[in-house]
């Protein structure tokens, strides 16, 4: 089953979120401290990912153009509207911002990075799911921590994870034939670094130091793909 690894990954996120919500009634001061700790950990994770770039100008250009596109599309507002819709459907007591924050934070952490792409390609090409199952265990544990403070929005991250990794797994053969390995490696590296900067922004938001509209930076990932394509065609970098 090609989608087994992806399915396990998504299920473990859901399970982790349910467990995390069971821990939500911790004292307010403890929750505040935990939020700061999560924010610090997310910043460190983002820095680690960001430093993987082999050509940081790609990251800068991708984020700038991604921000312009995201602001033009008003993705952050659309995400908040989606959070309000989910809140109504679930009868949740959390604010739309909390649901949206949990969704964006978890999605970026779970989707951005080499493990998801490599694992999905392995699932599609050889029907081996070890990488995605390992990623699922990591994501599941992370979702416990995130859901205990950020709420039910973390669960929604299972949807883009399943769609994103599932599509890569289903079209793995075509991807391997069309995209040269060197170009794919370059994309994974720069996409991971670009996502790392977004994750740093999320960590700063969690600590209350900034109020960046991180969702509006998401088009930057697509811009990375376009830049890498041009660079590879022109034999740059």
C-alpha atoms as a PDB file:
ATOM      1  CA  UNK A   1       0.000   0.000   0.000  1.00  0.00           C
ATOM      2  CA  UNK A   2       1.760   3.136  -1.268  1.00  0.00           C
ATOM      3  CA  UNK A   3      -0.002   5.486   1.162  1.00  0.00           C
ATOM      4  CA  UNK A   4       0.577   3.396   4.301  1.00  0.00           C
ATOM      5  CA  UNK A   5       3.398   5.555   5.659  1.00  0.00           C
ATOM      6  CA  UNK A   6       1.497   8.766   4.963  1.00  0.00           C
ATOM      7  CA  UNK A   7      -1.660   7.381   6.586  1.00  0.00           C
ATOM      8  CA  UNK A   8       0.233   6.289   9.711  1.00  0.00           C
ATOM      9  CA  UNK A   9       1.860   9.739   9.910  1.00  0.00           C
ATOM     10  CA  UNK A  10      -1.515  11.509   9.764  1.00  0.00           C
ATOM     11  CA  UNK A  11      -3.130   9.150  12.284  1.00  0.00           C
ATOM     12  CA  UNK A  12      -0.307   9.640  14.782  1.00  0.00           C
ATOM     13  CA  UNK A  13      -0.791  13.414  14.546  1.00  0.00           C
ATOM     14  CA  UNK A  14      -4.479  12.971  15.350  1.00  0.00           C
ATOM     15  CA  UNK A  15      -3.732  10.609  18.247  1.00  0.00           C
ATOM     16  CA  UNK A  16      -1.086  12.967  19.602  1.00  0.00           C
ATOM     17  CA  UNK A  17      -3.488  15.895  19.443  1.00  0.00           C
ATOM     18  CA  UNK A  18      -6.180  13.987  21.333  1.00  0.00           C
ATOM     19  CA  UNK A  19      -3.672  13.097  24.060  1.00  0.00           C
ATOM     20  CA  UNK A  20      -2.430  16.688  24.161  1.00  0.00           C
ATOM     21  CA  UNK A  21      -5.961  18.040  24.574  1.00  0.00           C
ATOM     22  CA  UNK A  22      -6.394  15.750  27.580  1.00  0.00           C
ATOM     23  CA  UNK A  23      -3.525  17.673  29.185  1.00  0.00           C
ATOM     24  CA  UNK A  24      -4.973  21.124  28.464  1.00  0.00           C
ATOM     25  CA  UNK A  25      -6.244  21.734  31.997  1.00  0.00           C
ATOM     26  CA  UNK A  26      -2.798  22.365  33.428  1.00  0.00           C
ATOM     27  CA  UNK A  27      -2.453  25.522  35.611  1.00  0.00           C
ATOM     28  CA  UNK A  28      -2.314  28.802  33.670  1.00  0.00           C
ATOM     29  CA  UNK A  29       1.169  29.774  34.913  1.00  0.00           C
ATOM     30  CA  UNK A  30       2.498  26.351  33.952  1.00  0.00           C
ATOM     31  CA  UNK A  31       0.854  26.651  30.517  1.00  0.00           C
ATOM     32  CA  UNK A  32       2.496  30.047  30.016  1.00  0.00           C
ATOM     33  CA  UNK A  33       5.925  28.665  30.887  1.00  0.00           C
ATOM     34  CA  UNK A  34       5.384  25.655  28.629  1.00  0.00           C
ATOM     35  CA  UNK A  35       4.427  28.022  25.792  1.00  0.00           C
ATOM     36  CA  UNK A  36       7.694  29.925  26.219  1.00  0.00           C
ATOM     37  CA  UNK A  37       9.631  26.657  26.211  1.00  0.00           C
ATOM     38  CA  UNK A  38       7.843  25.490  23.062  1.00  0.00           C
ATOM     39  CA  UNK A  39       8.575  28.857  21.459  1.00  0.00           C
ATOM     40  CA  UNK A  40      12.271  28.582  22.288  1.00  0.00           C
ATOM     41  CA  UNK A  41      12.435  25.017  20.989  1.00  0.00           C
ATOM     42  CA  UNK A  42      10.664  26.015  17.761  1.00  0.00           C
ATOM     43  CA  UNK A  43      13.118  28.912  17.255  1.00  0.00           C
ATOM     44  CA  UNK A  44      16.083  26.566  17.705  1.00  0.00           C
ATOM     45  CA  UNK A  45      14.521  24.073  15.271  1.00  0.00           C
ATOM     46  CA  UNK A  46      13.968  26.838  12.728  1.00  0.00           C
ATOM     47  CA  UNK A  47      17.535  28.128  13.067  1.00  0.00           C
ATOM     48  CA  UNK A  48      18.899  24.624  12.599  1.00  0.00           C
ATOM     49  CA  UNK A  49      16.850  24.217   9.418  1.00  0.00           C
ATOM     50  CA  UNK A  50      17.644  27.707   8.136  1.00  0.00           C
ATOM     51  CA  UNK A  51      21.385  27.181   8.421  1.00  0.00           C
ATOM     52  CA  UNK A  52      21.179  24.231   6.014  1.00  0.00           C
ATOM     53  CA  UNK A  53      20.931  26.613   3.051  1.00  0.00           C
ATOM     54  CA  UNK A  54      23.741  26.427   0.501  1.00  0.00           C
ATOM     55  CA  UNK A  55      22.713  29.738  -1.067  1.00  0.00           C
ATOM     56  CA  UNK A  56      20.939  31.983   1.426  1.00  0.00           C
ATOM     57  CA  UNK A  57      20.062  34.581  -1.206  1.00  0.00           C
ATOM     58  CA  UNK A  58      17.547  32.010  -2.500  1.00  0.00           C
ATOM     59  CA  UNK A  59      15.937  31.962   0.941  1.00  0.00           C
ATOM     60  CA  UNK A  60      15.779  35.757   1.134  1.00  0.00           C
ATOM     61  CA  UNK A  61      14.305  36.205  -2.347  1.00  0.00           C
ATOM     62  CA  UNK A  62      11.794  33.381  -1.765  1.00  0.00           C
ATOM     63  CA  UNK A  63      10.593  34.871   1.511  1.00  0.00           C
ATOM     64  CA  UNK A  64      10.326  38.409   0.108  1.00  0.00           C
ATOM     65  CA  UNK A  65       8.352  37.398  -2.982  1.00  0.00           C
ATOM     66  CA  UNK A  66       6.400  34.850  -0.936  1.00  0.00           C
ATOM     67  CA  UNK A  67       5.423  37.591   1.522  1.00  0.00           C
ATOM     68  CA  UNK A  68       4.271  39.876  -1.307  1.00  0.00           C
ATOM     69  CA  UNK A  69       2.143  37.112  -2.823  1.00  0.00           C
ATOM     70  CA  UNK A  70       0.809  36.036   0.567  1.00  0.00           C
ATOM     71  CA  UNK A  71      -0.170  39.578   1.545  1.00  0.00           C
ATOM     72  CA  UNK A  72      -1.822  40.084  -1.853  1.00  0.00           C
ATOM     73  CA  UNK A  73      -3.787  36.838  -1.424  1.00  0.00           C
ATOM     74  CA  UNK A  74      -4.408  37.666   2.257  1.00  0.00           C
ATOM     75  CA  UNK A  75      -3.732  34.053   3.255  1.00  0.00           C
ATOM     76  CA  UNK A  76      -3.612  34.885   6.961  1.00  0.00           C
ATOM     77  CA  UNK A  77      -7.148  36.309   6.854  1.00  0.00           C
ATOM     78  CA  UNK A  78      -8.403  33.307   4.880  1.00  0.00           C
ATOM     79  CA  UNK A  79      -6.837  30.963   7.429  1.00  0.00           C
ATOM     80  CA  UNK A  80      -8.522  32.804  10.283  1.00  0.00           C
ATOM     81  CA  UNK A  81     -11.842  32.557   8.442  1.00  0.00           C
ATOM     82  CA  UNK A  82     -11.211  28.826   8.064  1.00  0.00           C
ATOM     83  CA  UNK A  83     -10.511  28.661  11.799  1.00  0.00           C
ATOM     84  CA  UNK A  84     -13.819  30.410  12.520  1.00  0.00           C
ATOM     85  CA  UNK A  85     -15.642  27.899  10.306  1.00  0.00           C
ATOM     86  CA  UNK A  86     -13.994  24.958  12.063  1.00  0.00           C
ATOM     87  CA  UNK A  87     -14.807  26.512  15.438  1.00  0.00           C
ATOM     88  CA  UNK A  88     -18.494  26.673  14.535  1.00  0.00           C
ATOM     89  CA  UNK A  89     -18.540  23.112  13.160  1.00  0.00           C
ATOM     90  CA  UNK A  90     -16.779  21.648  16.196  1.00  0.00           C
ATOM     91  CA  UNK A  91     -18.530  23.857  18.739  1.00  0.00           C
ATOM     92  CA  UNK A  92     -15.058  24.624  20.080  1.00  0.00           C
ATOM     93  CA  UNK A  93     -14.590  27.097  22.902  1.00  0.00           C
ATOM     94  CA  UNK A  94     -11.252  28.218  21.535  1.00  0.00           C
ATOM     95  CA  UNK A  95     -10.907  31.411  19.550  1.00  0.00           C
ATOM     96  CA  UNK A  96     -10.471  31.308  15.791  1.00  0.00           C
ATOM     97  CA  UNK A  97      -6.954  32.705  16.276  1.00  0.00           C
ATOM     98  CA  UNK A  98      -6.029  29.812  18.562  1.00  0.00           C
ATOM     99  CA  UNK A  99      -7.306  27.262  16.061  1.00  0.00           C
ATOM    100  CA  UNK A 100      -5.525  28.991  13.186  1.00  0.00           C
ATOM    101  CA  UNK A 101      -2.313  29.365  15.179  1.00  0.00           C
ATOM    102  CA  UNK A 102      -2.298  25.691  16.093  1.00  0.00           C
ATOM    103  CA  UNK A 103      -2.990  24.706  12.489  1.00  0.00           C
ATOM    104  CA  UNK A 104      -0.275  26.913  10.938  1.00  0.00           C
ATOM    105  CA  UNK A 105       2.329  26.098  13.584  1.00  0.00           C
ATOM    106  CA  UNK A 106       1.824  22.346  13.364  1.00  0.00           C
ATOM    107  CA  UNK A 107       1.558  22.321   9.567  1.00  0.00           C
ATOM    108  CA  UNK A 108       4.847  24.139   9.077  1.00  0.00           C
ATOM    109  CA  UNK A 109       6.668  21.961  11.581  1.00  0.00           C
ATOM    110  CA  UNK A 110       5.247  18.715  10.159  1.00  0.00           C
ATOM    111  CA  UNK A 111       5.422  19.527   6.440  1.00  0.00           C
ATOM    112  CA  UNK A 112       8.608  21.562   5.987  1.00  0.00           C
ATOM    113  CA  UNK A 113      11.755  19.494   5.900  1.00  0.00           C
ATOM    114  CA  UNK A 114      13.545  16.749   4.050  1.00  0.00           C
ATOM    115  CA  UNK A 115      12.099  13.808   5.962  1.00  0.00           C
ATOM    116  CA  UNK A 116       8.594  14.116   4.517  1.00  0.00           C
ATOM    117  CA  UNK A 117       9.745  14.390   0.899  1.00  0.00           C
ATOM    118  CA  UNK A 118      12.362  11.650   1.117  1.00  0.00           C
ATOM    119  CA  UNK A 119      10.016   9.341   3.025  1.00  0.00           C
ATOM    120  CA  UNK A 120       7.150   9.892   0.583  1.00  0.00           C
ATOM    121  CA  UNK A 121       9.414   9.238  -2.413  1.00  0.00           C
ATOM    122  CA  UNK A 122      10.650   6.036  -0.755  1.00  0.00           C
ATOM    123  CA  UNK A 123       7.064   4.934  -0.143  1.00  0.00           C
ATOM    124  CA  UNK A 124       6.120   5.565  -3.757  1.00  0.00           C
ATOM    125  CA  UNK A 125       9.210   4.083  -5.395  1.00  0.00           C
ATOM    126  CA  UNK A 126       9.913   1.028  -3.236  1.00  0.00           C
ATOM    127  CA  UNK A 127       6.852   0.660  -0.977  1.00  0.00           C
ATOM    128  CA  UNK A 128       9.111   1.136   2.073  1.00  0.00           C
ATOM    129  CA  UNK A 129       7.524   3.197   4.827  1.00  0.00           C
ATOM    130  CA  UNK A 130      10.134   3.259   7.581  1.00  0.00           C
ATOM    131  CA  UNK A 131      11.061   6.921   7.153  1.00  0.00           C
ATOM    132  CA  UNK A 132       7.458   8.163   7.222  1.00  0.00           C
ATOM    133  CA  UNK A 133       6.546   5.967  10.192  1.00  0.00           C
ATOM    134  CA  UNK A 134       9.557   7.332  12.082  1.00  0.00           C
ATOM    135  CA  UNK A 135       8.481  10.850  11.109  1.00  0.00           C
ATOM    136  CA  UNK A 136       4.961  10.000  12.285  1.00  0.00           C
ATOM    137  CA  UNK A 137       6.240   9.037  15.722  1.00  0.00           C
ATOM    138  CA  UNK A 138       8.150  12.326  15.971  1.00  0.00           C
ATOM    139  CA  UNK A 139       5.139  14.307  14.732  1.00  0.00           C
ATOM    140  CA  UNK A 140       2.831  12.465  17.125  1.00  0.00           C
ATOM    141  CA  UNK A 141       4.963  13.321  20.139  1.00  0.00           C
ATOM    142  CA  UNK A 142       5.309  16.914  18.953  1.00  0.00           C
ATOM    143  CA  UNK A 143       1.534  17.205  18.486  1.00  0.00           C
ATOM    144  CA  UNK A 144       1.012  16.175  22.125  1.00  0.00           C
ATOM    145  CA  UNK A 145       3.112  19.114  23.267  1.00  0.00           C
ATOM    146  CA  UNK A 146       1.628  21.574  20.783  1.00  0.00           C
ATOM    147  CA  UNK A 147      -1.999  20.564  21.368  1.00  0.00           C
ATOM    148  CA  UNK A 148      -1.653  20.932  25.142  1.00  0.00           C
ATOM    149  CA  UNK A 149      -1.196  24.678  24.639  1.00  0.00           C
ATOM    150  CA  UNK A 150      -2.293  25.568  21.099  1.00  0.00           C
ATOM    151  CA  UNK A 151      -5.477  23.515  20.999  1.00  0.00           C
ATOM    152  CA  UNK A 152      -7.450  21.472  18.499  1.00  0.00           C
ATOM    153  CA  UNK A 153      -6.054  23.340  15.506  1.00  0.00           C
ATOM    154  CA  UNK A 154      -3.003  21.057  15.665  1.00  0.00           C
ATOM    155  CA  UNK A 155      -5.211  18.132  14.603  1.00  0.00           C
ATOM    156  CA  UNK A 156      -6.063  19.894  11.326  1.00  0.00           C
ATOM    157  CA  UNK A 157      -2.392  19.682  10.322  1.00  0.00           C
ATOM    158  CA  UNK A 158      -2.971  15.983   9.625  1.00  0.00           C
ATOM    159  CA  UNK A 159      -4.898  16.983   6.471  1.00  0.00           C
ATOM    160  CA  UNK A 160      -2.120  18.879   4.609  1.00  0.00           C
ATOM    161  CA  UNK A 161       0.414  16.283   5.791  1.00  0.00           C
ATOM    162  CA  UNK A 162      -1.667  13.475   4.286  1.00  0.00           C
ATOM    163  CA  UNK A 163      -2.362  15.366   1.037  1.00  0.00           C
ATOM    164  CA  UNK A 164       1.206  16.649   0.586  1.00  0.00           C
ATOM    165  CA  UNK A 165       3.036  13.421   1.343  1.00  0.00           C
ATOM    166  CA  UNK A 166       0.356  11.318  -0.323  1.00  0.00           C
ATOM    167  CA  UNK A 167       0.653  13.179  -3.619  1.00  0.00           C
ATOM    168  CA  UNK A 168       4.435  12.830  -3.589  1.00  0.00           C
ATOM    169  CA  UNK A 169       4.120   9.104  -2.896  1.00  0.00           C
ATOM    170  CA  UNK A 170       1.525   8.574  -5.643  1.00  0.00           C
ATOM    171  CA  UNK A 171       3.564  10.464  -8.238  1.00  0.00           C
ATOM    172  CA  UNK A 172       7.006   9.385  -6.990  1.00  0.00           C
ATOM    173  CA  UNK A 173       7.840   7.512 -10.192  1.00  0.00           C
ATOM    174  CA  UNK A 174       6.935  10.468 -12.394  1.00  0.00           C
ATOM    175  CA  UNK A 175       8.855  12.864 -10.124  1.00  0.00           C
ATOM    176  CA  UNK A 176      11.985  10.703 -10.275  1.00  0.00           C
ATOM    177  CA  UNK A 177      11.794  10.619 -14.082  1.00  0.00           C
ATOM    178  CA  UNK A 178      11.085  14.314 -14.615  1.00  0.00           C
ATOM    179  CA  UNK A 179      13.146  15.999 -11.860  1.00  0.00           C
ATOM    180  CA  UNK A 180      16.920  15.392 -11.884  1.00  0.00           C
ATOM    181  CA  UNK A 181      18.283  14.175  -8.545  1.00  0.00           C
ATOM    182  CA  UNK A 182      20.609  17.184  -8.209  1.00  0.00           C
ATOM    183  CA  UNK A 183      17.721  19.613  -8.719  1.00  0.00           C
ATOM    184  CA  UNK A 184      15.563  17.754  -6.207  1.00  0.00           C
ATOM    185  CA  UNK A 185      18.362  17.798  -3.633  1.00  0.00           C
ATOM    186  CA  UNK A 186      18.823  21.548  -4.167  1.00  0.00           C
ATOM    187  CA  UNK A 187      15.086  22.161  -3.775  1.00  0.00           C
ATOM    188  CA  UNK A 188      14.851  20.113  -0.578  1.00  0.00           C
ATOM    189  CA  UNK A 189      17.818  21.976   0.937  1.00  0.00           C
ATOM    190  CA  UNK A 190      16.575  25.482   0.112  1.00  0.00           C
ATOM    191  CA  UNK A 191      12.928  24.668   0.868  1.00  0.00           C
ATOM    192  CA  UNK A 192      13.966  23.344   4.282  1.00  0.00           C
ATOM    193  CA  UNK A 193      15.972  26.503   4.971  1.00  0.00           C
ATOM    194  CA  UNK A 194      13.128  28.784   3.844  1.00  0.00           C
ATOM    195  CA  UNK A 195      10.673  26.880   6.002  1.00  0.00           C
ATOM    196  CA  UNK A 196      13.144  27.122   8.871  1.00  0.00           C
ATOM    197  CA  UNK A 197      12.974  30.923   8.788  1.00  0.00           C
ATOM    198  CA  UNK A 198       9.159  30.699   8.876  1.00  0.00           C
ATOM    199  CA  UNK A 199       9.406  28.382  11.866  1.00  0.00           C
ATOM    200  CA  UNK A 200      11.671  30.891  13.654  1.00  0.00           C
ATOM    201  CA  UNK A 201       8.944  33.499  13.092  1.00  0.00           C
ATOM    202  CA  UNK A 202       6.362  31.129  14.576  1.00  0.00           C
ATOM    203  CA  UNK A 203       8.562  30.546  17.636  1.00  0.00           C
ATOM    204  CA  UNK A 204       8.883  34.295  18.193  1.00  0.00           C
ATOM    205  CA  UNK A 205       5.100  34.633  17.883  1.00  0.00           C
ATOM    206  CA  UNK A 206       4.568  31.861  20.436  1.00  0.00           C
ATOM    207  CA  UNK A 207       6.738  33.741  22.915  1.00  0.00           C
ATOM    208  CA  UNK A 208       4.753  36.921  22.295  1.00  0.00           C
ATOM    209  CA  UNK A 209       7.785  38.800  20.955  1.00  0.00           C
ATOM    210  CA  UNK A 210       6.301  39.393  17.495  1.00  0.00           C
ATOM    211  CA  UNK A 211       2.958  39.219  15.716  1.00  0.00           C
ATOM    212  CA  UNK A 212       4.090  38.225  12.231  1.00  0.00           C
ATOM    213  CA  UNK A 213       1.496  36.930   9.796  1.00  0.00           C
ATOM    214  CA  UNK A 214       3.477  33.769   9.093  1.00  0.00           C
ATOM    215  CA  UNK A 215       0.758  32.239   6.914  1.00  0.00           C
ATOM    216  CA  UNK A 216       1.400  35.006   4.388  1.00  0.00           C
ATOM    217  CA  UNK A 217       4.943  33.690   3.928  1.00  0.00           C
ATOM    218  CA  UNK A 218       3.809  30.239   2.746  1.00  0.00           C
ATOM    219  CA  UNK A 219       3.975  31.072  -1.010  1.00  0.00           C
ATOM    220  CA  UNK A 220       7.719  31.368  -0.453  1.00  0.00           C
ATOM    221  CA  UNK A 221       7.950  27.578  -0.675  1.00  0.00           C
ATOM    222  CA  UNK A 222       6.569  27.686  -4.226  1.00  0.00           C
ATOM    223  CA  UNK A 223       8.949  30.526  -5.097  1.00  0.00           C
ATOM    224  CA  UNK A 224      11.858  28.333  -3.938  1.00  0.00           C
ATOM    225  CA  UNK A 225      10.835  25.724  -6.489  1.00  0.00           C
ATOM    226  CA  UNK A 226      10.741  28.305  -9.284  1.00  0.00           C
ATOM    227  CA  UNK A 227      14.142  29.773  -8.364  1.00  0.00           C
ATOM    228  CA  UNK A 228      15.778  26.351  -8.075  1.00  0.00           C
ATOM    229  CA  UNK A 229      14.372  25.389 -11.482  1.00  0.00           C
ATOM    230  CA  UNK A 230      15.855  28.517 -13.085  1.00  0.00           C
ATOM    231  CA  UNK A 231      19.188  28.017 -11.313  1.00  0.00           C
ATOM    232  CA  UNK A 232      19.420  24.391 -12.400  1.00  0.00           C
ATOM    233  CA  UNK A 233      18.515  25.215 -16.006  1.00  0.00           C
ATOM    234  CA  UNK A 234      21.182  27.935 -16.052  1.00  0.00           C
ATOM    235  CA  UNK A 235      23.672  25.717 -14.207  1.00  0.00           C
ATOM    236  CA  UNK A 236      23.974  28.195 -11.323  1.00  0.00           C
ATOM    237  CA  UNK A 237      24.967  27.025  -7.818  1.00  0.00           C
END
